[in-house]
Amino acid sequence: MRRRMAQHPKGVTFREAKQLLEAYGWTVDRIRGSHHIFVRGPQTQPVSHRRPTILAVYVRQILKLTEGEDDDGE
């Protein structure tokens, strides 16, 4: 999943991003408007859910947060 997201960052849905974050131990802490705030330990990562696909900037941030870890979902 990470490979496809990296190749097509503008075509990633919120559902796909949420599944990837949850696979790496992130959970939804709170929702403020269209922003879902994911947390894992002291780290936080907001992801906006206004469109069918999320912005590429969020995809790049998610990929950076999950790189170098064991990937069961790839």
PDB file of N, CA and C in Angstrom:
ATOM      1  N   MET A   1       0.822  -1.188   0.000  1.00  0.00           N
ATOM      2  CA  MET A   1       0.000   0.000   0.000  1.00  0.00           C
ATOM      3  C   MET A   1       0.870   1.257   0.000  1.00  0.00           C
ATOM      4  N   ARG A   2       1.960   1.237   0.759  1.00  0.00           N
ATOM      5  CA  ARG A   2       2.839   2.405   0.810  1.00  0.00           C
ATOM      6  C   ARG A   2       3.426   2.717  -0.561  1.00  0.00           C
ATOM      7  N   ARG A   3       3.782   1.678  -1.303  1.00  0.00           N
ATOM      8  CA  ARG A   3       4.390   1.881  -2.618  1.00  0.00           C
ATOM      9  C   ARG A   3       3.415   2.587  -3.554  1.00  0.00           C
ATOM     10  N   ARG A   4       2.151   2.152  -3.566  1.00  0.00           N
ATOM     11  CA  ARG A   4       1.150   2.773  -4.423  1.00  0.00           C
ATOM     12  C   ARG A   4       0.897   4.219  -3.998  1.00  0.00           C
ATOM     13  N   MET A   5       0.874   4.454  -2.698  1.00  0.00           N
ATOM     14  CA  MET A   5       0.667   5.810  -2.202  1.00  0.00           C
ATOM     15  C   MET A   5       1.811   6.717  -2.622  1.00  0.00           C
ATOM     16  N   ALA A   6       3.036   6.209  -2.579  1.00  0.00           N
ATOM     17  CA  ALA A   6       4.200   7.013  -2.965  1.00  0.00           C
ATOM     18  C   ALA A   6       4.188   7.315  -4.461  1.00  0.00           C
ATOM     19  N   GLN A   7       3.707   6.375  -5.258  1.00  0.00           N
ATOM     20  CA  GLN A   7       3.679   6.576  -6.702  1.00  0.00           C
ATOM     21  C   GLN A   7       2.552   7.504  -7.137  1.00  0.00           C
ATOM     22  N   HIS A   8       1.435   7.502  -6.425  1.00  0.00           N
ATOM     23  CA  HIS A   8       0.274   8.319  -6.784  1.00  0.00           C
ATOM     24  C   HIS A   8      -0.264   9.065  -5.558  1.00  0.00           C
ATOM     25  N   PRO A   9       0.488  10.045  -5.043  1.00  0.00           N
ATOM     26  CA  PRO A   9       0.054  10.707  -3.804  1.00  0.00           C
ATOM     27  C   PRO A   9      -1.229  11.524  -3.943  1.00  0.00           C
ATOM     28  N   LYS A  10      -1.596  11.911  -5.163  1.00  0.00           N
ATOM     29  CA  LYS A  10      -2.820  12.701  -5.332  1.00  0.00           C
ATOM     30  C   LYS A  10      -4.069  11.848  -5.433  1.00  0.00           C
ATOM     31  N   GLY A  11      -3.907  10.517  -5.485  1.00  0.00           N
ATOM     32  CA  GLY A  11      -5.056   9.642  -5.623  1.00  0.00           C
ATOM     33  C   GLY A  11      -5.345   8.806  -4.394  1.00  0.00           C
ATOM     34  N   VAL A  12      -4.865   9.226  -3.236  1.00  0.00           N
ATOM     35  CA  VAL A  12      -5.038   8.455  -2.003  1.00  0.00           C
ATOM     36  C   VAL A  12      -6.307   8.912  -1.291  1.00  0.00           C
ATOM     37  N   THR A  13      -7.157   7.970  -0.952  1.00  0.00           N
ATOM     38  CA  THR A  13      -8.381   8.313  -0.234  1.00  0.00           C
ATOM     39  C   THR A  13      -8.106   8.395   1.266  1.00  0.00           C
ATOM     40  N   PHE A  14      -9.012   9.034   1.971  1.00  0.00           N
ATOM     41  CA  PHE A  14      -8.873   9.133   3.426  1.00  0.00           C
ATOM     42  C   PHE A  14      -8.889   7.744   4.048  1.00  0.00           C
ATOM     43  N   ARG A  15      -9.734   6.883   3.528  1.00  0.00           N
ATOM     44  CA  ARG A  15      -9.840   5.523   4.065  1.00  0.00           C
ATOM     45  C   ARG A  15      -8.504   4.781   3.958  1.00  0.00           C
ATOM     46  N   GLU A  16      -7.820   4.907   2.824  1.00  0.00           N
ATOM     47  CA  GLU A  16      -6.523   4.251   2.642  1.00  0.00           C
ATOM     48  C   GLU A  16      -5.485   4.804   3.615  1.00  0.00           C
ATOM     49  N   ALA A  17      -5.471   6.129   3.773  1.00  0.00           N
ATOM     50  CA  ALA A  17      -4.522   6.754   4.691  1.00  0.00           C
ATOM     51  C   ALA A  17      -4.786   6.303   6.124  1.00  0.00           C
ATOM     52  N   LYS A  18      -6.062   6.242   6.491  1.00  0.00           N
ATOM     53  CA  LYS A  18      -6.424   5.812   7.845  1.00  0.00           C
ATOM     54  C   LYS A  18      -5.996   4.362   8.078  1.00  0.00           C
ATOM     55  N   GLN A  19      -6.214   3.497   7.092  1.00  0.00           N
ATOM     56  CA  GLN A  19      -5.823   2.089   7.229  1.00  0.00           C
ATOM     57  C   GLN A  19      -4.312   1.958   7.409  1.00  0.00           C
ATOM     58  N   LEU A  20      -3.546   2.731   6.649  1.00  0.00           N
ATOM     59  CA  LEU A  20      -2.089   2.660   6.764  1.00  0.00           C
ATOM     60  C   LEU A  20      -1.635   3.149   8.135  1.00  0.00           C
ATOM     61  N   LEU A  21      -2.157   4.281   8.579  1.00  0.00           N
ATOM     62  CA  LEU A  21      -1.768   4.795   9.893  1.00  0.00           C
ATOM     63  C   LEU A  21      -2.133   3.806  10.998  1.00  0.00           C
ATOM     64  N   GLU A  22      -3.319   3.238  10.930  1.00  0.00           N
ATOM     65  CA  GLU A  22      -3.739   2.292  11.961  1.00  0.00           C
ATOM     66  C   GLU A  22      -2.882   1.026  11.938  1.00  0.00           C
ATOM     67  N   ALA A  23      -2.411   0.633  10.757  1.00  0.00           N
ATOM     68  CA  ALA A  23      -1.532  -0.540  10.662  1.00  0.00           C
ATOM     69  C   ALA A  23      -0.202  -0.294  11.366  1.00  0.00           C
ATOM     70  N   TYR A  24       0.194   0.964  11.485  1.00  0.00           N
ATOM     71  CA  TYR A  24       1.446   1.321  12.155  1.00  0.00           C
ATOM     72  C   TYR A  24       1.229   1.784  13.591  1.00  0.00           C
ATOM     73  N   GLY A  25       0.046   1.551  14.129  1.00  0.00           N
ATOM     74  CA  GLY A  25      -0.199   1.837  15.543  1.00  0.00           C
ATOM     75  C   GLY A  25      -0.752   3.214  15.846  1.00  0.00           C
ATOM     76  N   TRP A  26      -1.129   3.969  14.844  1.00  0.00           N
ATOM     77  CA  TRP A  26      -1.724   5.289  15.055  1.00  0.00           C
ATOM     78  C   TRP A  26      -3.219   5.127  15.314  1.00  0.00           C
ATOM     79  N   THR A  27      -3.782   5.975  16.163  1.00  0.00           N
ATOM     80  CA  THR A  27      -5.215   5.949  16.441  1.00  0.00           C
ATOM     81  C   THR A  27      -5.779   7.353  16.318  1.00  0.00           C
ATOM     82  N   VAL A  28      -7.079   7.435  16.025  1.00  0.00           N
ATOM     83  CA  VAL A  28      -7.750   8.741  15.955  1.00  0.00           C
ATOM     84  C   VAL A  28      -7.965   9.214  17.382  1.00  0.00           C
ATOM     85  N   ASP A  29      -7.390  10.364  17.703  1.00  0.00           N
ATOM     86  CA  ASP A  29      -7.514  10.926  19.047  1.00  0.00           C
ATOM     87  C   ASP A  29      -8.739  11.822  19.138  1.00  0.00           C
ATOM     88  N   ARG A  30      -8.918  12.647  18.102  1.00  0.00           N
ATOM     89  CA  ARG A  30     -10.049  13.577  18.102  1.00  0.00           C
ATOM     90  C   ARG A  30     -10.324  14.038  16.678  1.00  0.00           C
ATOM     91  N   ILE A  31     -11.503  14.612  16.497  1.00  0.00           N
ATOM     92  CA  ILE A  31     -11.891  15.164  15.199  1.00  0.00           C
ATOM     93  C   ILE A  31     -12.350  16.591  15.438  1.00  0.00           C
ATOM     94  N   ARG A  32     -11.735  17.521  14.716  1.00  0.00           N
ATOM     95  CA  ARG A  32     -12.122  18.934  14.802  1.00  0.00           C
ATOM     96  C   ARG A  32     -12.488  19.389  13.404  1.00  0.00           C
ATOM     97  N   GLY A  33     -13.777  19.481  13.161  1.00  0.00           N
ATOM     98  CA  GLY A  33     -14.242  19.839  11.826  1.00  0.00           C
ATOM     99  C   GLY A  33     -13.909  18.728  10.847  1.00  0.00           C
ATOM    100  N   SER A  34     -13.158  19.072   9.807  1.00  0.00           N
ATOM    101  CA  SER A  34     -12.791  18.061   8.813  1.00  0.00           C
ATOM    102  C   SER A  34     -11.447  17.408   9.112  1.00  0.00           C
ATOM    103  N   HIS A  35     -10.777  17.850  10.171  1.00  0.00           N
ATOM    104  CA  HIS A  35      -9.452  17.314  10.495  1.00  0.00           C
ATOM    105  C   HIS A  35      -9.540  16.191  11.528  1.00  0.00           C
ATOM    106  N   HIS A  36      -9.019  15.049  11.142  1.00  0.00           N
ATOM    107  CA  HIS A  36      -8.901  13.913  12.049  1.00  0.00           C
ATOM    108  C   HIS A  36      -7.471  13.936  12.586  1.00  0.00           C
ATOM    109  N   ILE A  37      -7.327  13.941  13.890  1.00  0.00           N
ATOM    110  CA  ILE A  37      -6.014  14.009  14.521  1.00  0.00           C
ATOM    111  C   ILE A  37      -5.625  12.609  14.980  1.00  0.00           C
ATOM    112  N   PHE A  38      -4.577  12.074  14.367  1.00  0.00           N
ATOM    113  CA  PHE A  38      -4.064  10.748  14.722  1.00  0.00           C
ATOM    114  C   PHE A  38      -2.905  10.930  15.693  1.00  0.00           C
ATOM    115  N   VAL A  39      -2.797  10.022  16.653  1.00  0.00           N
ATOM    116  CA  VAL A  39      -1.709  10.079  17.625  1.00  0.00           C
ATOM    117  C   VAL A  39      -1.055   8.717  17.769  1.00  0.00           C
ATOM    118  N   ARG A  40       0.224   8.766  18.108  1.00  0.00           N
ATOM    119  CA  ARG A  40       0.983   7.568  18.491  1.00  0.00           C
ATOM    120  C   ARG A  40       2.075   8.066  19.417  1.00  0.00           C
ATOM    121  N   GLY A  41       1.895   7.777  20.684  1.00  0.00           N
ATOM    122  CA  GLY A  41       2.830   8.297  21.680  1.00  0.00           C
ATOM    123  C   GLY A  41       2.744   9.816  21.710  1.00  0.00           C
ATOM    124  N   PRO A  42       3.888  10.503  21.676  1.00  0.00           N
ATOM    125  CA  PRO A  42       3.863  11.967  21.705  1.00  0.00           C
ATOM    126  C   PRO A  42       3.639  12.600  20.331  1.00  0.00           C
ATOM    127  N   GLN A  43       3.627  11.793  19.272  1.00  0.00           N
ATOM    128  CA  GLN A  43       3.485  12.330  17.920  1.00  0.00           C
ATOM    129  C   GLN A  43       2.015  12.515  17.552  1.00  0.00           C
ATOM    130  N   THR A  44       1.733  13.567  16.781  1.00  0.00           N
ATOM    131  CA  THR A  44       0.394  13.785  16.246  1.00  0.00           C
ATOM    132  C   THR A  44       0.491  14.015  14.749  1.00  0.00           C
ATOM    133  N   GLN A  45      -0.556  13.634  14.034  1.00  0.00           N
ATOM    134  CA  GLN A  45      -0.611  13.839  12.591  1.00  0.00           C
ATOM    135  C   GLN A  45      -2.049  14.168  12.189  1.00  0.00           C
ATOM    136  N   PRO A  46      -2.314  15.421  11.786  1.00  0.00           N
ATOM    137  CA  PRO A  46      -3.657  15.749  11.313  1.00  0.00           C
ATOM    138  C   PRO A  46      -3.822  15.317   9.855  1.00  0.00           C
ATOM    139  N   VAL A  47      -5.035  14.894   9.518  1.00  0.00           N
ATOM    140  CA  VAL A  47      -5.375  14.552   8.136  1.00  0.00           C
ATOM    141  C   VAL A  47      -6.761  15.121   7.860  1.00  0.00           C
ATOM    142  N   SER A  48      -6.860  15.951   6.831  1.00  0.00           N
ATOM    143  CA  SER A  48      -8.134  16.564   6.476  1.00  0.00           C
ATOM    144  C   SER A  48      -8.971  15.600   5.649  1.00  0.00           C
ATOM    145  N   HIS A  49     -10.272  15.552   5.945  1.00  0.00           N
ATOM    146  CA  HIS A  49     -11.186  14.646   5.257  1.00  0.00           C
ATOM    147  C   HIS A  49     -12.315  15.453   4.620  1.00  0.00           C
ATOM    148  N   ARG A  50     -11.957  16.380   3.735  1.00  0.00           N
ATOM    149  CA  ARG A  50     -12.951  17.227   3.073  1.00  0.00           C
ATOM    150  C   ARG A  50     -13.271  16.759   1.663  1.00  0.00           C
ATOM    151  N   ARG A  51     -12.371  16.071   1.037  1.00  0.00           N
ATOM    152  CA  ARG A  51     -12.499  15.683  -0.363  1.00  0.00           C
ATOM    153  C   ARG A  51     -12.479  14.163  -0.475  1.00  0.00           C
ATOM    154  N   PRO A  52     -12.804  13.645  -1.662  1.00  0.00           N
ATOM    155  CA  PRO A  52     -12.696  12.186  -1.834  1.00  0.00           C
ATOM    156  C   PRO A  52     -11.261  11.689  -1.662  1.00  0.00           C
ATOM    157  N   THR A  53     -10.289  12.507  -2.070  1.00  0.00           N
ATOM    158  CA  THR A  53      -8.882  12.154  -1.876  1.00  0.00           C
ATOM    159  C   THR A  53      -8.254  13.177  -0.947  1.00  0.00           C
ATOM    160  N   ILE A  54      -7.214  12.758  -0.230  1.00  0.00           N
ATOM    161  CA  ILE A  54      -6.548  13.699   0.671  1.00  0.00           C
ATOM    162  C   ILE A  54      -5.438  14.422  -0.086  1.00  0.00           C
ATOM    163  N   LEU A  55      -5.019  15.534   0.438  1.00  0.00           N
ATOM    164  CA  LEU A  55      -3.970  16.319  -0.205  1.00  0.00           C
ATOM    165  C   LEU A  55      -2.644  15.566  -0.172  1.00  0.00           C
ATOM    166  N   ALA A  56      -1.849  15.768  -1.220  1.00  0.00           N
ATOM    167  CA  ALA A  56      -0.563  15.075  -1.350  1.00  0.00           C
ATOM    168  C   ALA A  56       0.376  15.396  -0.196  1.00  0.00           C
ATOM    169  N   VAL A  57       0.263  16.580   0.382  1.00  0.00           N
ATOM    170  CA  VAL A  57       1.140  16.947   1.506  1.00  0.00           C
ATOM    171  C   VAL A  57       0.912  16.000   2.687  1.00  0.00           C
ATOM    172  N   TYR A  58      -0.338  15.612   2.941  1.00  0.00           N
ATOM    173  CA  TYR A  58      -0.624  14.668   4.025  1.00  0.00           C
ATOM    174  C   TYR A  58      -0.064  13.293   3.696  1.00  0.00           C
ATOM    175  N   VAL A  59      -0.167  12.890   2.431  1.00  0.00           N
ATOM    176  CA  VAL A  59       0.358  11.583   2.025  1.00  0.00           C
ATOM    177  C   VAL A  59       1.859  11.529   2.259  1.00  0.00           C
ATOM    178  N   ARG A  60       2.576  12.580   1.867  1.00  0.00           N
ATOM    179  CA  ARG A  60       4.032  12.612   2.067  1.00  0.00           C
ATOM    180  C   ARG A  60       4.378  12.567   3.553  1.00  0.00           C
ATOM    181  N   GLN A  61       3.621  13.272   4.377  1.00  0.00           N
ATOM    182  CA  GLN A  61       3.873  13.255   5.821  1.00  0.00           C
ATOM    183  C   GLN A  61       3.630  11.860   6.400  1.00  0.00           C
ATOM    184  N   ILE A  62       2.565  11.214   5.962  1.00  0.00           N
ATOM    185  CA  ILE A  62       2.254   9.860   6.450  1.00  0.00           C
ATOM    186  C   ILE A  62       3.343   8.884   6.028  1.00  0.00           C
ATOM    187  N   LEU A  63       3.791   8.971   4.787  1.00  0.00           N
ATOM    188  CA  LEU A  63       4.845   8.078   4.310  1.00  0.00           C
ATOM    189  C   LEU A  63       6.138   8.293   5.083  1.00  0.00           C
ATOM    190  N   LYS A  64       6.444   9.543   5.401  1.00  0.00           N
ATOM    191  CA  LYS A  64       7.656   9.839   6.166  1.00  0.00           C
ATOM    192  C   LYS A  64       7.546   9.268   7.589  1.00  0.00           C
ATOM    193  N   LEU A  65       6.366   9.372   8.186  1.00  0.00           N
ATOM    194  CA  LEU A  65       6.164   8.856   9.542  1.00  0.00           C
ATOM    195  C   LEU A  65       6.250   7.340   9.613  1.00  0.00           C
ATOM    196  N   THR A  66       5.943   6.660   8.510  1.00  0.00           N
ATOM    197  CA  THR A  66       5.906   5.200   8.527  1.00  0.00           C
ATOM    198  C   THR A  66       7.104   4.561   7.823  1.00  0.00           C
ATOM    199  N   GLU A  67       8.032   5.353   7.295  1.00  0.00           N
ATOM    200  CA  GLU A  67       9.160   4.748   6.607  1.00  0.00           C
ATOM    201  C   GLU A  67      10.139   4.138   7.607  1.00  0.00           C
ATOM    202  N   GLY A  68      10.811   3.085   7.188  1.00  0.00           N
ATOM    203  CA  GLY A  68      11.811   2.453   8.025  1.00  0.00           C
ATOM    204  C   GLY A  68      11.275   1.526   9.083  1.00  0.00           C
ATOM    205  N   GLU A  69       9.955   1.382   9.146  1.00  0.00           N
ATOM    206  CA  GLU A  69       9.356   0.464  10.112  1.00  0.00           C
ATOM    207  C   GLU A  69       8.966  -0.811   9.396  1.00  0.00           C
ATOM    208  N   ASP A  70       8.782  -1.879  10.156  1.00  0.00           N
ATOM    209  CA  ASP A  70       8.325  -3.139   9.549  1.00  0.00           C
ATOM    210  C   ASP A  70       6.965  -2.892   8.923  1.00  0.00           C
ATOM    211  N   ASP A  71       6.822  -3.304   7.666  1.00  0.00           N
ATOM    212  CA  ASP A  71       5.583  -3.036   6.938  1.00  0.00           C
ATOM    213  C   ASP A  71       4.836  -4.329   6.667  1.00  0.00           C
ATOM    214  N   ASP A  72       3.750  -4.531   7.393  1.00  0.00           N
ATOM    215  CA  ASP A  72       2.927  -5.723   7.172  1.00  0.00           C
ATOM    216  C   ASP A  72       1.904  -5.490   6.076  1.00  0.00           C
ATOM    217  N   GLY A  73       1.580  -4.226   5.784  1.00  0.00           N
ATOM    218  CA  GLY A  73       0.505  -3.934   4.835  1.00  0.00           C
ATOM    219  C   GLY A  73       0.973  -3.637   3.428  1.00  0.00           C
ATOM    220  N   GLU A  74       2.231  -3.837   3.087  1.00  0.00           N
ATOM    221  CA  GLU A  74       2.718  -3.503   1.747  1.00  0.00           C
ATOM    222  C   GLU A  74       2.497  -4.577   0.790  1.00  0.00           C
TER     223      GLU A  74
END
